[in-house]
Protein backbone atom coordinates (compact mmCIF):
# COMPACT_ATOMS: atom_id res chain seq x y z
CA MET A 1 136.48 99.95 -24.88
CA GLY A 2 139.84 100.72 -25.93
CA SER A 3 140.88 101.87 -22.26
CA ASN A 4 143.68 105.44 -22.23
CA ASP A 5 146.23 102.11 -21.29
CA GLN A 6 144.76 100.22 -24.22
CA PRO A 7 144.93 101.32 -27.73
CA LEU A 8 140.76 100.71 -29.74
CA ARG A 9 140.90 97.69 -31.30
CA ILE A 10 139.32 98.36 -35.02
CA ALA A 11 137.74 96.04 -37.64
CA LEU A 12 137.78 96.54 -40.97
CA THR A 13 135.15 94.92 -43.17
CA ALA A 14 137.50 95.35 -46.49
CA PRO A 15 140.46 96.30 -45.35
CA ASP A 16 142.14 96.02 -49.01
CA GLY A 17 139.52 98.46 -50.39
CA LYS A 18 140.15 101.66 -50.55
CA MET A 19 139.76 103.62 -47.68
CA GLY A 20 140.37 99.64 -45.42
CA LEU A 21 143.98 100.56 -46.23
CA ALA A 22 143.51 104.70 -45.35
CA ILE A 23 142.47 103.96 -42.38
CA ALA A 24 144.89 101.15 -41.80
CA LEU A 25 148.06 103.80 -42.74
CA ALA A 26 145.82 106.66 -40.24
CA ILE A 27 146.16 103.59 -37.30
CA ALA A 28 150.23 102.99 -38.69
CA GLU A 29 149.87 106.86 -37.30
CA ASP A 30 148.03 106.87 -34.09
CA PRO A 31 148.74 104.44 -31.37
CA ALA A 32 145.22 104.70 -29.64
CA PHE A 33 144.06 102.85 -32.77
CA ALA A 34 144.65 98.91 -33.59
CA ILE A 35 143.45 96.79 -35.46
CA ASP A 36 142.61 94.01 -34.62
CA GLN A 37 140.03 91.68 -36.93
CA ASP A 38 138.70 89.37 -34.57
CA GLN A 39 137.76 90.68 -31.44
CA ALA A 40 137.24 94.52 -31.46
CA ASP A 41 135.53 97.22 -29.99
CA VAL A 42 134.90 99.26 -33.28
CA LEU A 43 133.20 97.74 -36.47
CA ILE A 44 134.02 99.76 -39.60
CA ASP A 45 132.16 99.55 -43.28
CA PHE A 46 133.51 100.39 -46.46
CA SER A 47 132.69 98.75 -49.07
CA VAL A 48 130.05 98.31 -51.27
CA PRO A 49 126.01 98.08 -49.82
CA GLN A 50 125.80 94.40 -50.28
CA ALA A 51 127.59 93.54 -48.04
CA LEU A 52 126.39 96.35 -45.79
CA GLU A 53 123.61 93.16 -44.16
CA LYS A 54 126.40 90.81 -43.39
CA SER A 55 128.48 93.89 -41.18
CA LEU A 56 125.68 94.94 -39.32
CA GLY A 57 125.05 90.77 -38.34
CA ARG A 58 127.89 90.96 -37.11
CA ALA A 59 128.71 94.15 -35.29
CA VAL A 60 124.87 93.46 -33.85
CA ALA A 61 126.10 89.79 -32.62
CA ALA A 62 129.35 90.77 -31.46
CA ARG A 63 127.41 93.91 -29.29
CA ILE A 64 129.63 96.41 -30.82
CA PRO A 65 129.74 100.04 -32.03
CA VAL A 66 129.56 99.81 -36.53
CA LEU A 67 130.92 102.72 -38.56
CA ILE A 68 128.89 102.91 -41.92
CA GLY A 69 130.18 104.66 -44.63
CA THR A 70 129.43 102.68 -48.26
CA THR A 71 127.66 105.00 -49.89
CA GLY A 72 125.38 103.50 -53.10
CA LEU A 73 122.24 102.50 -50.26
CA ASP A 74 118.71 101.79 -51.46
CA PRO A 75 115.92 102.47 -49.30
CA ALA A 76 115.75 98.97 -48.03
CA ALA A 77 119.51 99.54 -46.50
CA ASP A 78 117.85 102.58 -44.18
CA SER A 79 115.44 99.46 -42.74
CA LEU A 80 117.98 97.45 -41.89
CA ILE A 81 120.79 100.44 -40.15
CA ALA A 82 117.55 101.38 -37.96
CA GLU A 83 116.90 97.44 -37.13
CA ALA A 84 120.78 97.67 -35.87
CA ALA A 85 120.20 100.89 -34.20
CA LYS A 86 117.61 99.22 -31.74
CA HIS A 87 120.45 97.33 -30.75
CA ILE A 88 123.91 98.74 -31.24
CA ALA A 89 125.49 102.33 -31.54
CA VAL A 90 125.23 103.18 -35.64
CA LEU A 91 126.72 105.66 -37.52
CA ARG A 92 126.04 106.07 -40.66
CA SER A 93 127.86 108.35 -42.58
CA ALA A 94 128.61 109.03 -46.00
CA ASN A 95 131.71 111.28 -45.83
CA THR A 96 133.59 111.04 -42.71
CA SER A 97 135.65 113.97 -42.84
CA LEU A 98 135.51 116.91 -39.89
CA GLY A 99 135.49 119.45 -42.39
CA MET A 100 131.91 117.83 -44.39
CA ALA A 101 130.38 117.34 -41.55
CA VAL A 102 130.92 121.16 -40.28
CA LEU A 103 129.69 121.91 -44.33
CA ALA A 104 126.39 119.88 -43.33
CA GLU A 105 125.47 122.73 -40.81
CA LEU A 106 126.81 125.82 -42.32
CA VAL A 107 124.93 124.75 -45.57
CA GLU A 108 121.35 123.98 -42.96
CA ARG A 109 121.87 127.49 -41.44
CA ALA A 110 122.32 128.92 -44.77
CA ALA A 111 119.34 127.54 -45.96
CA LYS A 112 117.33 127.97 -43.08
CA VAL A 113 118.31 132.03 -42.83
CA LEU A 114 118.31 132.85 -47.07
CA GLY A 115 114.69 131.32 -47.50
CA LYS A 116 113.68 129.05 -50.46
CA GLY A 117 114.12 133.17 -52.45
CA TRP A 118 117.92 131.64 -53.64
CA ASP A 119 118.41 128.14 -55.90
CA ILE A 120 120.03 126.23 -54.97
CA GLU A 121 122.53 123.76 -56.54
CA ILE A 122 125.44 121.00 -55.88
CA ALA A 123 128.08 120.65 -57.47
CA GLU A 124 129.80 117.36 -56.55
CA ALA A 125 133.53 116.07 -58.11
CA HIS A 126 134.66 112.51 -58.18
CA HIS A 127 137.63 109.70 -59.99
CA ARG A 128 136.64 108.55 -63.22
CA GLY A 129 135.26 104.90 -60.40
CA LYS A 130 133.09 105.58 -58.63
CA ALA A 131 130.35 103.90 -59.24
CA ASP A 132 127.68 106.37 -58.10
CA SER A 133 125.98 109.63 -58.53
CA PRO A 134 124.97 112.41 -57.06
CA SER A 135 128.20 111.23 -54.69
CA GLY A 136 126.71 110.11 -51.18
CA THR A 137 127.88 113.39 -49.95
CA ALA A 138 126.60 116.12 -51.79
CA LEU A 139 123.35 114.30 -50.71
CA MET A 140 123.92 114.70 -47.15
CA LEU A 141 124.35 118.36 -48.14
CA GLY A 142 121.26 117.80 -49.89
CA GLN A 143 119.61 117.19 -46.84
CA ALA A 144 121.78 119.34 -44.74
CA ALA A 145 120.25 122.03 -46.94
CA ALA A 146 116.44 119.92 -46.94
CA ARG A 147 116.52 120.23 -43.15
CA GLY A 148 117.05 123.87 -43.03
CA ARG A 149 114.18 124.96 -45.61
CA GLY A 150 111.95 122.36 -43.99
CA ILE A 151 111.38 120.75 -46.57
CA ALA A 152 111.62 116.52 -48.11
CA LEU A 153 114.69 116.43 -50.47
CA ASN A 154 113.87 115.68 -53.44
CA PRO A 155 116.49 116.45 -55.89
CA GLU A 156 116.49 117.62 -59.22
CA ALA A 157 119.07 115.57 -60.66
CA GLY A 158 120.75 115.01 -64.81
CA ARG A 159 118.88 117.85 -66.04
CA ASP A 160 119.27 117.23 -70.35
CA GLY A 161 116.92 118.11 -73.04
CA THR A 162 115.55 121.53 -75.12
CA GLY A 163 112.10 123.85 -72.91
CA LEU A 164 113.15 123.10 -68.94
CA THR A 165 112.28 124.81 -66.04
CA ARG A 166 113.65 124.92 -63.00
CA GLY A 167 110.73 123.12 -59.86
CA GLU A 168 109.84 125.98 -57.09
CA GLY A 169 112.63 125.84 -54.36
CA ALA A 170 114.38 122.25 -55.67
CA ILE A 171 117.39 121.66 -55.26
CA GLY A 172 120.00 120.49 -57.52
CA PHE A 173 122.20 118.54 -58.73
CA ALA A 174 125.15 118.32 -60.53
CA SER A 175 127.93 115.78 -61.28
CA VAL A 176 131.40 115.01 -62.80
CA ARG A 177 133.33 111.96 -63.17
CA GLY A 178 137.73 112.14 -64.25
CA GLY A 179 140.29 111.54 -63.20
CA THR A 180 141.56 111.01 -59.68
CA VAL A 181 139.86 113.71 -58.18
CA ALA A 182 138.91 112.53 -53.92
CA GLY A 183 135.78 114.91 -53.55
CA ASP A 184 134.67 118.67 -54.49
CA HIS A 185 131.74 119.72 -52.58
CA ASP A 186 130.10 122.64 -54.36
CA VAL A 187 127.16 123.58 -52.41
CA MET A 188 125.94 127.61 -53.92
CA PHE A 189 122.96 129.37 -52.41
CA LEU A 190 121.72 131.81 -55.79
CA GLY A 191 119.66 134.40 -54.61
CA PRO A 192 119.18 138.59 -56.25
CA GLU A 193 122.29 139.79 -57.55
CA GLU A 194 124.59 137.85 -54.77
CA ARG A 195 124.54 133.64 -54.45
CA LEU A 196 127.20 132.41 -51.64
CA ILE A 197 128.89 129.09 -52.01
CA LEU A 198 129.76 126.73 -50.57
CA SER A 199 132.81 124.89 -50.25
CA HIS A 200 135.42 121.83 -50.06
CA ARG A 201 137.74 120.20 -51.17
CA ALA A 202 138.86 116.88 -50.60
CA GLU A 203 143.13 116.29 -50.89
CA SER A 204 143.56 113.10 -50.22
CA ARG A 205 141.75 110.04 -48.70
CA MET A 206 143.28 109.97 -45.19
CA ILE A 207 140.34 113.28 -44.25
CA PHE A 208 138.10 110.60 -44.28
CA ALA A 209 140.55 107.47 -42.70
CA ARG A 210 141.02 110.52 -40.04
CA GLY A 211 137.35 110.94 -39.32
CA ALA A 212 136.47 107.58 -39.44
CA LEU A 213 138.46 106.69 -36.64
CA ALA A 214 137.33 109.85 -34.55
CA ALA A 215 133.79 109.15 -35.05
CA ALA A 216 134.91 105.67 -33.63
CA ARG A 217 136.17 107.36 -30.49
CA PHE A 218 132.84 108.29 -29.78
CA LEU A 219 130.93 105.42 -31.03
CA ALA A 220 132.84 103.04 -28.42
CA ASP A 221 131.51 104.32 -25.05
CA ARG A 222 127.71 105.34 -26.92
CA PRO A 223 124.56 103.40 -25.88
CA ALA A 224 122.68 101.80 -28.80
CA GLY A 225 121.50 104.24 -31.57
CA LEU A 226 121.84 105.70 -34.70
CA TYR A 227 124.51 108.87 -35.02
CA SER A 228 125.68 111.10 -37.00
CA MET A 229 129.50 112.75 -38.11
CA GLN A 230 127.04 115.97 -37.02
CA ASP A 231 127.06 114.52 -33.25
CA VAL A 232 130.46 113.33 -33.46
CA VAL A 233 131.16 116.85 -33.93
CA GLY A 234 129.12 118.19 -31.41
CA ALA A 235 130.71 116.31 -28.43
CA LEU A 236 134.63 117.48 -29.89
């Protein structure tokens, strides 16, 4: 697969989608990769939840790794991904930016060190066409914070009304939709008389495309199992 003198061949589940086009552009800029929809070394799926089962089936049948970047997946998708990961390498991530992978590590560390006496709020902004809320990336960051605290994530999202109370130890979410925002995320640790804010700003989809290619390179030689972008960053 993708030896030093041969490019790593990438197949795209949704080549005409926004991320598919961005990945194709990133591949055009990097001779270490090539698009091959028929004889691929790695399958990349940034599409819609309804396409997940077909993508996993295709990857398992071909015995090639698959990167799942689709967001808005329901709990049934977890079982499909877990089953596929018994046979092939599967990397699932709501955000393939390398910077975001580092941010998730920082969030987990901060949550562990600061403890439950600090409130955690996650604010995110995306373009007007994004269909899911909170964003998959925001939920990923919430999971990182929950791991740091040693708890299960039970998000407080979409607060509205009067007489509201904040749940003790809750991790809150707020979403903004509009314009052409590629993705803004702020994780706020709100403590007594001080605040720590960890932020990431995506300026274009190309950061996700380049990160996806780094993830594909990582996956190419991995045994069956479920991987994350933290594994990719750890291997750099």
